[in-house]
Amino acid sequence: MEEIWVSLVIRMVVTAAVVIAATAVAERVSPFYASLIGAFPTSAGPAYVMLALKEDAAFVAASAVSSMASLAAVAPFVSVVVWLAPRSSVYVTVGGGFLTWTLFAVPISFVPWTPMTAVLINLVAYPICFWLTRNLGQVPATQTRKPAEWYELPLRAFVVGLFVAAVVTASNLLGPVATGLGAVFPIVFLSLTAILHIRMGGAATAATMHSALRVVSGMTLALLVLHYGVVWWGEAIGLSLSLVASMIWAGAMIVINHRRALAFANAAK
């Protein structure tokens, strides 16, 4: 019993440290870079590292497929947040986003996904949501920022850490399907939405999440690499290759954003 509690505390501390670093930086940069930090696997990454220390390769590989399919529920969740944030209170925005995720995630969890069908559902979900949000998420010319309360970062870190630690610790009871679903539950996005809405307003929140929708779609690639990397070469190599894939995708997004910014600036001259 003592070993279980020690493991739980370690998992909470590790995940909390990652979330504190990510969200602290996210609130101090542009919407694009905020989305890049928020969409990077700050909760799924530690969850899978800790899962690999606890479960065998087959369990991790199966969970990765479940996570991949569950990403399709993140797309409508983010889209609803983008639409609601400038129009509604923080409570309606967060509640509406969570309800949307639940409506899509529950049926997804009952389907026996393969790696290819999991990729396919994301290839359908994300382009649809890109199109639906194409005219939304415009960043305001001026942004208001409320001073952060001393407890905000610790509270966010505690909530995220507790959720991830609980999912990984209970993985034997949950099984790979529910574990994979829990690993990509958008707890970081919910946290960012709530804090950014309170401190910077709905328009800035929508702009951040608009970019996040494009960035988070790349997690499909990272999870696909994780699945096959674990199956072919084991957990350590699979996790490493998945991290490399995430970094490559993030780099590509930075280049694309930079080119778009230059094109916009040139067009404005």
C-alpha atoms as a PDB file:
ATOM      1  CA  MET A   1       0.000   0.000   0.000  1.00  0.00           C
ATOM      2  CA  GLU A   2       2.837   2.395   0.840  1.00  0.00           C
ATOM      3  CA  GLU A   3       4.420   1.724  -2.545  1.00  0.00           C
ATOM      4  CA  ILE A   4       1.163   2.664  -4.298  1.00  0.00           C
ATOM      5  CA  TRP A   5       0.922   5.973  -2.441  1.00  0.00           C
ATOM      6  CA  VAL A   6       4.558   6.838  -3.134  1.00  0.00           C
ATOM      7  CA  SER A   7       4.030   6.075  -6.816  1.00  0.00           C
ATOM      8  CA  LEU A   8       0.900   8.235  -6.884  1.00  0.00           C
ATOM      9  CA  VAL A   9       2.648  11.209  -5.283  1.00  0.00           C
ATOM     10  CA  ILE A  10       5.613  10.945  -7.662  1.00  0.00           C
ATOM     11  CA  ARG A  11       3.302  10.891 -10.669  1.00  0.00           C
ATOM     12  CA  MET A  12       1.393  13.920  -9.394  1.00  0.00           C
ATOM     13  CA  VAL A  13       4.581  15.908  -8.762  1.00  0.00           C
ATOM     14  CA  VAL A  14       6.114  15.107 -12.155  1.00  0.00           C
ATOM     15  CA  THR A  15       2.956  15.956 -14.071  1.00  0.00           C
ATOM     16  CA  ALA A  16       2.300  19.069 -11.981  1.00  0.00           C
ATOM     17  CA  ALA A  17       5.802  20.376 -12.712  1.00  0.00           C
ATOM     18  CA  VAL A  18       5.255  19.959 -16.453  1.00  0.00           C
ATOM     19  CA  VAL A  19       1.875  21.704 -16.346  1.00  0.00           C
ATOM     20  CA  ILE A  20       3.151  24.614 -14.244  1.00  0.00           C
ATOM     21  CA  ALA A  21       5.950  25.241 -16.733  1.00  0.00           C
ATOM     22  CA  ALA A  22       3.689  24.929 -19.774  1.00  0.00           C
ATOM     23  CA  THR A  23       0.815  27.091 -18.567  1.00  0.00           C
ATOM     24  CA  ALA A  24       3.047  29.769 -17.071  1.00  0.00           C
ATOM     25  CA  VAL A  25       4.735  30.294 -20.429  1.00  0.00           C
ATOM     26  CA  ALA A  26       1.461  29.968 -22.364  1.00  0.00           C
ATOM     27  CA  GLU A  27      -0.057  32.991 -20.617  1.00  0.00           C
ATOM     28  CA  ARG A  28       2.865  35.234 -21.544  1.00  0.00           C
ATOM     29  CA  VAL A  29       3.191  34.703 -25.297  1.00  0.00           C
ATOM     30  CA  SER A  30       1.082  35.066 -28.454  1.00  0.00           C
ATOM     31  CA  PRO A  31      -2.021  32.939 -29.036  1.00  0.00           C
ATOM     32  CA  PHE A  32      -0.145  30.692 -31.461  1.00  0.00           C
ATOM     33  CA  TYR A  33       2.693  29.892 -29.064  1.00  0.00           C
ATOM     34  CA  ALA A  34       0.237  29.540 -26.210  1.00  0.00           C
ATOM     35  CA  SER A  35      -1.625  26.952 -28.283  1.00  0.00           C
ATOM     36  CA  LEU A  36       1.629  25.225 -29.205  1.00  0.00           C
ATOM     37  CA  ILE A  37       2.549  24.815 -25.550  1.00  0.00           C
ATOM     38  CA  GLY A  38      -0.962  23.809 -24.533  1.00  0.00           C
ATOM     39  CA  ALA A  39      -1.355  21.295 -27.367  1.00  0.00           C
ATOM     40  CA  PHE A  40       2.039  19.687 -26.826  1.00  0.00           C
ATOM     41  CA  PRO A  41       1.484  16.430 -24.895  1.00  0.00           C
ATOM     42  CA  THR A  42       2.087  17.964 -21.466  1.00  0.00           C
ATOM     43  CA  SER A  43      -0.313  15.546 -19.785  1.00  0.00           C
ATOM     44  CA  ALA A  44      -0.409  12.631 -22.253  1.00  0.00           C
ATOM     45  CA  GLY A  45       3.394  12.491 -22.415  1.00  0.00           C
ATOM     46  CA  PRO A  46       4.006  12.012 -18.675  1.00  0.00           C
ATOM     47  CA  ALA A  47       1.003   9.687 -18.512  1.00  0.00           C
ATOM     48  CA  TYR A  48       2.540   7.370 -21.101  1.00  0.00           C
ATOM     49  CA  VAL A  49       5.991   7.497 -19.559  1.00  0.00           C
ATOM     50  CA  MET A  50       4.527   6.479 -16.209  1.00  0.00           C
ATOM     51  CA  LEU A  51       2.291   3.911 -17.889  1.00  0.00           C
ATOM     52  CA  ALA A  52       5.313   2.337 -19.588  1.00  0.00           C
ATOM     53  CA  LEU A  53       6.996   1.961 -16.197  1.00  0.00           C
ATOM     54  CA  LYS A  54       3.953   0.114 -14.905  1.00  0.00           C
ATOM     55  CA  GLU A  55       2.528  -1.918 -17.799  1.00  0.00           C
ATOM     56  CA  ASP A  56       3.905  -4.123 -20.578  1.00  0.00           C
ATOM     57  CA  ALA A  57       4.416  -3.117 -24.206  1.00  0.00           C
ATOM     58  CA  ALA A  58       1.144  -4.660 -25.415  1.00  0.00           C
ATOM     59  CA  PHE A  59      -0.866  -2.595 -22.904  1.00  0.00           C
ATOM     60  CA  VAL A  60       0.912   0.640 -23.885  1.00  0.00           C
ATOM     61  CA  ALA A  61       0.468  -0.050 -27.600  1.00  0.00           C
ATOM     62  CA  ALA A  62      -3.253  -0.769 -27.185  1.00  0.00           C
ATOM     63  CA  SER A  63      -3.699   2.362 -25.068  1.00  0.00           C
ATOM     64  CA  ALA A  64      -2.019   4.431 -27.789  1.00  0.00           C
ATOM     65  CA  VAL A  65      -4.613   3.256 -30.327  1.00  0.00           C
ATOM     66  CA  SER A  66      -7.411   4.178 -27.925  1.00  0.00           C
ATOM     67  CA  SER A  67      -5.839   7.599 -27.360  1.00  0.00           C
ATOM     68  CA  MET A  68      -5.503   8.097 -31.094  1.00  0.00           C
ATOM     69  CA  ALA A  69      -9.195   7.416 -31.684  1.00  0.00           C
ATOM     70  CA  SER A  70     -10.143   9.573 -28.684  1.00  0.00           C
ATOM     71  CA  LEU A  71      -8.354  12.560 -30.238  1.00  0.00           C
ATOM     72  CA  ALA A  72     -11.284  12.762 -32.638  1.00  0.00           C
ATOM     73  CA  ALA A  73     -13.400  13.908 -29.677  1.00  0.00           C
ATOM     74  CA  VAL A  74     -10.921  16.697 -28.909  1.00  0.00           C
ATOM     75  CA  ALA A  75     -11.566  18.360 -32.288  1.00  0.00           C
ATOM     76  CA  PRO A  76     -15.269  19.178 -31.683  1.00  0.00           C
ATOM     77  CA  PHE A  77     -14.459  20.063 -28.070  1.00  0.00           C
ATOM     78  CA  VAL A  78     -11.951  22.723 -29.154  1.00  0.00           C
ATOM     79  CA  SER A  79     -14.270  23.958 -31.919  1.00  0.00           C
ATOM     80  CA  VAL A  80     -17.107  24.526 -29.447  1.00  0.00           C
ATOM     81  CA  VAL A  81     -14.745  26.388 -27.102  1.00  0.00           C
ATOM     82  CA  VAL A  82     -13.623  28.611 -30.003  1.00  0.00           C
ATOM     83  CA  TRP A  83     -17.249  29.446 -30.796  1.00  0.00           C
ATOM     84  CA  LEU A  84     -18.450  29.892 -27.215  1.00  0.00           C
ATOM     85  CA  ALA A  85     -15.515  31.769 -25.667  1.00  0.00           C
ATOM     86  CA  PRO A  86     -16.168  35.251 -27.185  1.00  0.00           C
ATOM     87  CA  ARG A  87     -19.930  34.894 -26.676  1.00  0.00           C
ATOM     88  CA  SER A  88     -20.329  33.261 -23.273  1.00  0.00           C
ATOM     89  CA  SER A  89     -19.097  33.234 -19.714  1.00  0.00           C
ATOM     90  CA  VAL A  90     -16.209  31.062 -18.631  1.00  0.00           C
ATOM     91  CA  TYR A  91     -18.639  28.623 -17.008  1.00  0.00           C
ATOM     92  CA  VAL A  92     -20.697  28.162 -20.165  1.00  0.00           C
ATOM     93  CA  THR A  93     -17.558  27.882 -22.300  1.00  0.00           C
ATOM     94  CA  VAL A  94     -15.891  25.244 -20.142  1.00  0.00           C
ATOM     95  CA  GLY A  95     -19.152  23.391 -19.515  1.00  0.00           C
ATOM     96  CA  GLY A  96     -20.124  23.404 -23.180  1.00  0.00           C
ATOM     97  CA  GLY A  97     -16.699  22.169 -24.207  1.00  0.00           C
ATOM     98  CA  PHE A  98     -16.723  19.373 -21.647  1.00  0.00           C
ATOM     99  CA  LEU A  99     -20.233  18.285 -22.656  1.00  0.00           C
ATOM    100  CA  THR A 100     -19.207  18.212 -26.311  1.00  0.00           C
ATOM    101  CA  TRP A 101     -16.158  16.090 -25.537  1.00  0.00           C
ATOM    102  CA  THR A 102     -18.306  13.661 -23.554  1.00  0.00           C
ATOM    103  CA  LEU A 103     -20.887  13.318 -26.338  1.00  0.00           C
ATOM    104  CA  PHE A 104     -18.179  12.282 -28.795  1.00  0.00           C
ATOM    105  CA  ALA A 105     -15.783  10.424 -26.493  1.00  0.00           C
ATOM    106  CA  VAL A 106     -18.325   7.998 -25.014  1.00  0.00           C
ATOM    107  CA  PRO A 107     -19.404   6.387 -28.314  1.00  0.00           C
ATOM    108  CA  ILE A 108     -15.801   6.384 -29.537  1.00  0.00           C
ATOM    109  CA  SER A 109     -14.782   4.342 -26.482  1.00  0.00           C
ATOM    110  CA  PHE A 110     -17.148   1.511 -27.470  1.00  0.00           C
ATOM    111  CA  VAL A 111     -15.661   0.977 -30.941  1.00  0.00           C
ATOM    112  CA  PRO A 112     -12.872  -1.637 -31.397  1.00  0.00           C
ATOM    113  CA  TRP A 113     -10.364   0.629 -33.145  1.00  0.00           C
ATOM    114  CA  THR A 114      -7.316  -0.391 -35.153  1.00  0.00           C
ATOM    115  CA  PRO A 115      -4.400   1.995 -35.831  1.00  0.00           C
ATOM    116  CA  MET A 116      -5.647   2.680 -39.361  1.00  0.00           C
ATOM    117  CA  THR A 117      -9.297   3.275 -38.440  1.00  0.00           C
ATOM    118  CA  ALA A 118      -8.160   5.540 -35.596  1.00  0.00           C
ATOM    119  CA  VAL A 119      -6.143   7.586 -38.091  1.00  0.00           C
ATOM    120  CA  LEU A 120      -9.106   7.646 -40.475  1.00  0.00           C
ATOM    121  CA  ILE A 121     -11.564   9.092 -37.944  1.00  0.00           C
ATOM    122  CA  ASN A 122      -9.104  11.892 -37.207  1.00  0.00           C
ATOM    123  CA  LEU A 123      -8.656  12.558 -40.935  1.00  0.00           C
ATOM    124  CA  VAL A 124     -12.419  13.107 -41.025  1.00  0.00           C
ATOM    125  CA  ALA A 125     -12.923  14.979 -37.735  1.00  0.00           C
ATOM    126  CA  TYR A 126     -10.142  17.564 -37.929  1.00  0.00           C
ATOM    127  CA  PRO A 127     -10.677  18.850 -41.495  1.00  0.00           C
ATOM    128  CA  ILE A 128     -14.394  19.275 -40.729  1.00  0.00           C
ATOM    129  CA  CYS A 129     -13.577  21.266 -37.589  1.00  0.00           C
ATOM    130  CA  PHE A 130     -10.927  23.292 -39.436  1.00  0.00           C
ATOM    131  CA  TRP A 131     -13.605  24.306 -41.926  1.00  0.00           C
ATOM    132  CA  LEU A 132     -16.229  25.053 -39.276  1.00  0.00           C
ATOM    133  CA  THR A 133     -13.842  27.367 -37.388  1.00  0.00           C
ATOM    134  CA  ARG A 134     -12.168  28.931 -40.421  1.00  0.00           C
ATOM    135  CA  ASN A 135     -13.663  32.394 -39.771  1.00  0.00           C
ATOM    136  CA  LEU A 136     -13.459  32.248 -35.986  1.00  0.00           C
ATOM    137  CA  GLY A 137     -10.737  32.857 -33.425  1.00  0.00           C
ATOM    138  CA  GLN A 138      -9.602  36.314 -34.498  1.00  0.00           C
ATOM    139  CA  VAL A 139      -7.261  37.722 -31.867  1.00  0.00           C
ATOM    140  CA  PRO A 140      -8.312  41.150 -30.511  1.00  0.00           C
ATOM    141  CA  ALA A 141      -6.152  44.170 -31.213  1.00  0.00           C
ATOM    142  CA  THR A 142      -5.869  44.852 -27.489  1.00  0.00           C
ATOM    143  CA  GLN A 143      -5.976  42.298 -24.730  1.00  0.00           C
ATOM    144  CA  THR A 144      -6.787  42.854 -21.098  1.00  0.00           C
ATOM    145  CA  ARG A 145      -4.956  40.837 -18.517  1.00  0.00           C
ATOM    146  CA  LYS A 146      -5.985  40.386 -14.907  1.00  0.00           C
ATOM    147  CA  PRO A 147      -3.289  39.785 -12.311  1.00  0.00           C
ATOM    148  CA  ALA A 148      -2.810  36.138 -11.479  1.00  0.00           C
ATOM    149  CA  GLU A 149      -3.826  34.958  -8.049  1.00  0.00           C
ATOM    150  CA  TRP A 150      -1.092  33.141  -6.125  1.00  0.00           C
ATOM    151  CA  TYR A 151      -3.059  29.904  -6.055  1.00  0.00           C
ATOM    152  CA  GLU A 152      -3.885  29.606  -9.768  1.00  0.00           C
ATOM    153  CA  LEU A 153      -0.817  27.705 -10.987  1.00  0.00           C
ATOM    154  CA  PRO A 154      -0.658  25.312  -8.000  1.00  0.00           C
ATOM    155  CA  LEU A 155      -4.389  24.610  -8.319  1.00  0.00           C
ATOM    156  CA  ARG A 156      -4.148  23.847 -12.026  1.00  0.00           C
ATOM    157  CA  ALA A 157      -1.114  21.665 -11.514  1.00  0.00           C
ATOM    158  CA  PHE A 158      -2.813  19.751  -8.708  1.00  0.00           C
ATOM    159  CA  VAL A 159      -5.951  19.046 -10.747  1.00  0.00           C
ATOM    160  CA  VAL A 160      -4.011  17.861 -13.802  1.00  0.00           C
ATOM    161  CA  GLY A 161      -1.541  15.863 -11.745  1.00  0.00           C
ATOM    162  CA  LEU A 162      -4.269  14.180  -9.733  1.00  0.00           C
ATOM    163  CA  PHE A 163      -6.222  13.198 -12.842  1.00  0.00           C
ATOM    164  CA  VAL A 164      -3.234  11.781 -14.729  1.00  0.00           C
ATOM    165  CA  ALA A 165      -1.922   9.979 -11.668  1.00  0.00           C
ATOM    166  CA  ALA A 166      -5.324   8.463 -10.955  1.00  0.00           C
ATOM    167  CA  VAL A 167      -5.730   7.223 -14.530  1.00  0.00           C
ATOM    168  CA  VAL A 168      -2.303   5.605 -14.619  1.00  0.00           C
ATOM    169  CA  THR A 169      -2.577   4.129 -11.119  1.00  0.00           C
ATOM    170  CA  ALA A 170      -5.971   2.628 -11.931  1.00  0.00           C
ATOM    171  CA  SER A 171      -4.885   1.326 -15.340  1.00  0.00           C
ATOM    172  CA  ASN A 172      -5.109  -2.311 -14.249  1.00  0.00           C
ATOM    173  CA  LEU A 173      -8.802  -1.822 -13.484  1.00  0.00           C
ATOM    174  CA  LEU A 174      -9.565   0.486 -16.391  1.00  0.00           C
ATOM    175  CA  GLY A 175      -7.920  -1.540 -19.138  1.00  0.00           C
ATOM    176  CA  PRO A 176      -6.103  -0.115 -22.177  1.00  0.00           C
ATOM    177  CA  VAL A 177      -9.210   1.403 -23.816  1.00  0.00           C
ATOM    178  CA  ALA A 178     -10.253   3.572 -20.859  1.00  0.00           C
ATOM    179  CA  THR A 179      -6.612   4.311 -20.019  1.00  0.00           C
ATOM    180  CA  GLY A 180      -5.987   5.575 -23.551  1.00  0.00           C
ATOM    181  CA  LEU A 181      -9.142   7.685 -23.382  1.00  0.00           C
ATOM    182  CA  GLY A 182      -8.102   9.190 -20.060  1.00  0.00           C
ATOM    183  CA  ALA A 183      -4.557   9.917 -21.238  1.00  0.00           C
ATOM    184  CA  VAL A 184      -5.793  12.386 -23.867  1.00  0.00           C
ATOM    185  CA  PHE A 185      -8.672  13.828 -21.849  1.00  0.00           C
ATOM    186  CA  PRO A 186      -8.306  17.593 -22.549  1.00  0.00           C
ATOM    187  CA  ILE A 187      -7.618  18.590 -18.944  1.00  0.00           C
ATOM    188  CA  VAL A 188      -4.834  21.000 -19.976  1.00  0.00           C
ATOM    189  CA  PHE A 189      -7.114  22.638 -22.558  1.00  0.00           C
ATOM    190  CA  LEU A 190      -9.904  22.967 -20.003  1.00  0.00           C
ATOM    191  CA  SER A 191      -7.468  24.543 -17.565  1.00  0.00           C
ATOM    192  CA  LEU A 192      -6.068  26.950 -20.155  1.00  0.00           C
ATOM    193  CA  THR A 193      -9.570  27.872 -21.317  1.00  0.00           C
ATOM    194  CA  ALA A 194     -10.724  28.706 -17.806  1.00  0.00           C
ATOM    195  CA  ILE A 195      -7.665  30.729 -16.817  1.00  0.00           C
ATOM    196  CA  LEU A 196      -7.246  32.581 -20.132  1.00  0.00           C
ATOM    197  CA  HIS A 197     -10.958  33.425 -20.221  1.00  0.00           C
ATOM    198  CA  ILE A 198     -10.812  34.863 -16.703  1.00  0.00           C
ATOM    199  CA  ARG A 199      -7.567  36.756 -17.172  1.00  0.00           C
ATOM    200  CA  MET A 200      -7.585  37.787 -20.852  1.00  0.00           C
ATOM    201  CA  GLY A 201     -11.182  37.480 -22.045  1.00  0.00           C
ATOM    202  CA  GLY A 202     -13.116  35.266 -24.423  1.00  0.00           C
ATOM    203  CA  ALA A 203     -11.648  36.621 -27.664  1.00  0.00           C
ATOM    204  CA  ALA A 204      -8.061  35.868 -26.640  1.00  0.00           C
ATOM    205  CA  THR A 205      -9.164  32.438 -25.431  1.00  0.00           C
ATOM    206  CA  ALA A 206     -10.834  31.722 -28.778  1.00  0.00           C
ATOM    207  CA  ALA A 207      -7.709  32.813 -30.662  1.00  0.00           C
ATOM    208  CA  THR A 208      -5.527  30.519 -28.581  1.00  0.00           C
ATOM    209  CA  MET A 209      -7.823  27.526 -28.964  1.00  0.00           C
ATOM    210  CA  HIS A 210      -8.268  28.223 -32.689  1.00  0.00           C
ATOM    211  CA  SER A 211      -4.540  27.701 -33.122  1.00  0.00           C
ATOM    212  CA  ALA A 212      -4.588  24.771 -30.706  1.00  0.00           C
ATOM    213  CA  LEU A 213      -7.036  22.900 -32.950  1.00  0.00           C
ATOM    214  CA  ARG A 214      -4.476  22.930 -35.758  1.00  0.00           C
ATOM    215  CA  VAL A 215      -1.582  22.025 -33.500  1.00  0.00           C
ATOM    216  CA  VAL A 216      -3.229  19.196 -31.546  1.00  0.00           C
ATOM    217  CA  SER A 217      -4.136  17.342 -34.742  1.00  0.00           C
ATOM    218  CA  GLY A 218      -0.457  16.383 -34.933  1.00  0.00           C
ATOM    219  CA  MET A 219      -0.816  14.208 -31.853  1.00  0.00           C
ATOM    220  CA  THR A 220      -2.379  11.638 -34.179  1.00  0.00           C
ATOM    221  CA  LEU A 221       1.027  11.201 -35.787  1.00  0.00           C
ATOM    222  CA  ALA A 222       2.812  11.069 -32.434  1.00  0.00           C
ATOM    223  CA  LEU A 223       0.457   8.380 -31.106  1.00  0.00           C
ATOM    224  CA  LEU A 224       0.726   6.364 -34.317  1.00  0.00           C
ATOM    225  CA  VAL A 225       4.509   6.452 -33.982  1.00  0.00           C
ATOM    226  CA  LEU A 226       4.179   5.490 -30.314  1.00  0.00           C
ATOM    227  CA  HIS A 227       2.012   2.476 -31.130  1.00  0.00           C
ATOM    228  CA  TYR A 228       4.223   1.016 -33.821  1.00  0.00           C
ATOM    229  CA  GLY A 229       7.438   2.035 -32.063  1.00  0.00           C
ATOM    230  CA  VAL A 230       6.386   0.139 -28.932  1.00  0.00           C
ATOM    231  CA  VAL A 231       5.221  -2.882 -30.958  1.00  0.00           C
ATOM    232  CA  TRP A 232       8.399  -3.096 -33.046  1.00  0.00           C
ATOM    233  CA  TRP A 233      11.157  -1.860 -30.727  1.00  0.00           C
ATOM    234  CA  GLY A 234       9.805  -1.663 -27.198  1.00  0.00           C
ATOM    235  CA  GLU A 235       8.549   1.018 -24.867  1.00  0.00           C
ATOM    236  CA  ALA A 236      11.705   3.120 -24.469  1.00  0.00           C
ATOM    237  CA  ILE A 237      12.308   3.508 -28.203  1.00  0.00           C
ATOM    238  CA  GLY A 238       8.606   3.937 -28.928  1.00  0.00           C
ATOM    239  CA  LEU A 239       8.281   6.766 -26.414  1.00  0.00           C
ATOM    240  CA  SER A 240      11.450   8.426 -27.722  1.00  0.00           C
ATOM    241  CA  LEU A 241      10.288   8.275 -31.332  1.00  0.00           C
ATOM    242  CA  SER A 242       6.906   9.647 -30.340  1.00  0.00           C
ATOM    243  CA  LEU A 243       8.586  12.611 -28.651  1.00  0.00           C
ATOM    244  CA  VAL A 244      10.665  13.226 -31.789  1.00  0.00           C
ATOM    245  CA  ALA A 245       7.511  13.111 -33.923  1.00  0.00           C
ATOM    246  CA  SER A 246       5.848  15.660 -31.605  1.00  0.00           C
ATOM    247  CA  MET A 247       8.845  17.974 -31.861  1.00  0.00           C
ATOM    248  CA  ILE A 248       8.965  17.691 -35.651  1.00  0.00           C
ATOM    249  CA  TRP A 249       5.272  18.550 -35.856  1.00  0.00           C
ATOM    250  CA  ALA A 250       5.727  21.509 -33.506  1.00  0.00           C
ATOM    251  CA  GLY A 251       8.645  22.742 -35.621  1.00  0.00           C
ATOM    252  CA  ALA A 252       6.560  22.450 -38.788  1.00  0.00           C
ATOM    253  CA  MET A 253       3.756  24.442 -37.173  1.00  0.00           C
ATOM    254  CA  ILE A 254       6.207  27.181 -36.171  1.00  0.00           C
ATOM    255  CA  VAL A 255       7.534  27.424 -39.736  1.00  0.00           C
ATOM    256  CA  ILE A 256       4.016  27.532 -41.204  1.00  0.00           C
ATOM    257  CA  ASN A 257       2.922  30.193 -38.703  1.00  0.00           C
ATOM    258  CA  HIS A 258       6.013  32.281 -39.468  1.00  0.00           C
ATOM    259  CA  ARG A 259       5.377  32.109 -43.208  1.00  0.00           C
ATOM    260  CA  ARG A 260       1.733  33.047 -42.766  1.00  0.00           C
ATOM    261  CA  ALA A 261       2.722  36.003 -40.590  1.00  0.00           C
ATOM    262  CA  LEU A 262       5.181  37.193 -43.259  1.00  0.00           C
ATOM    263  CA  ALA A 263       2.590  36.772 -46.011  1.00  0.00           C
ATOM    264  CA  PHE A 264       0.043  38.738 -43.954  1.00  0.00           C
ATOM    265  CA  ALA A 265       2.562  41.504 -43.273  1.00  0.00           C
ATOM    266  CA  ASN A 266       3.497  41.748 -46.940  1.00  0.00           C
ATOM    267  CA  ALA A 267      -0.156  41.847 -47.979  1.00  0.00           C
ATOM    268  CA  ALA A 268      -0.813  44.660 -45.508  1.00  0.00           C
ATOM    269  CA  LYS A 269       1.889  46.877 -47.041  1.00  0.00           C
END
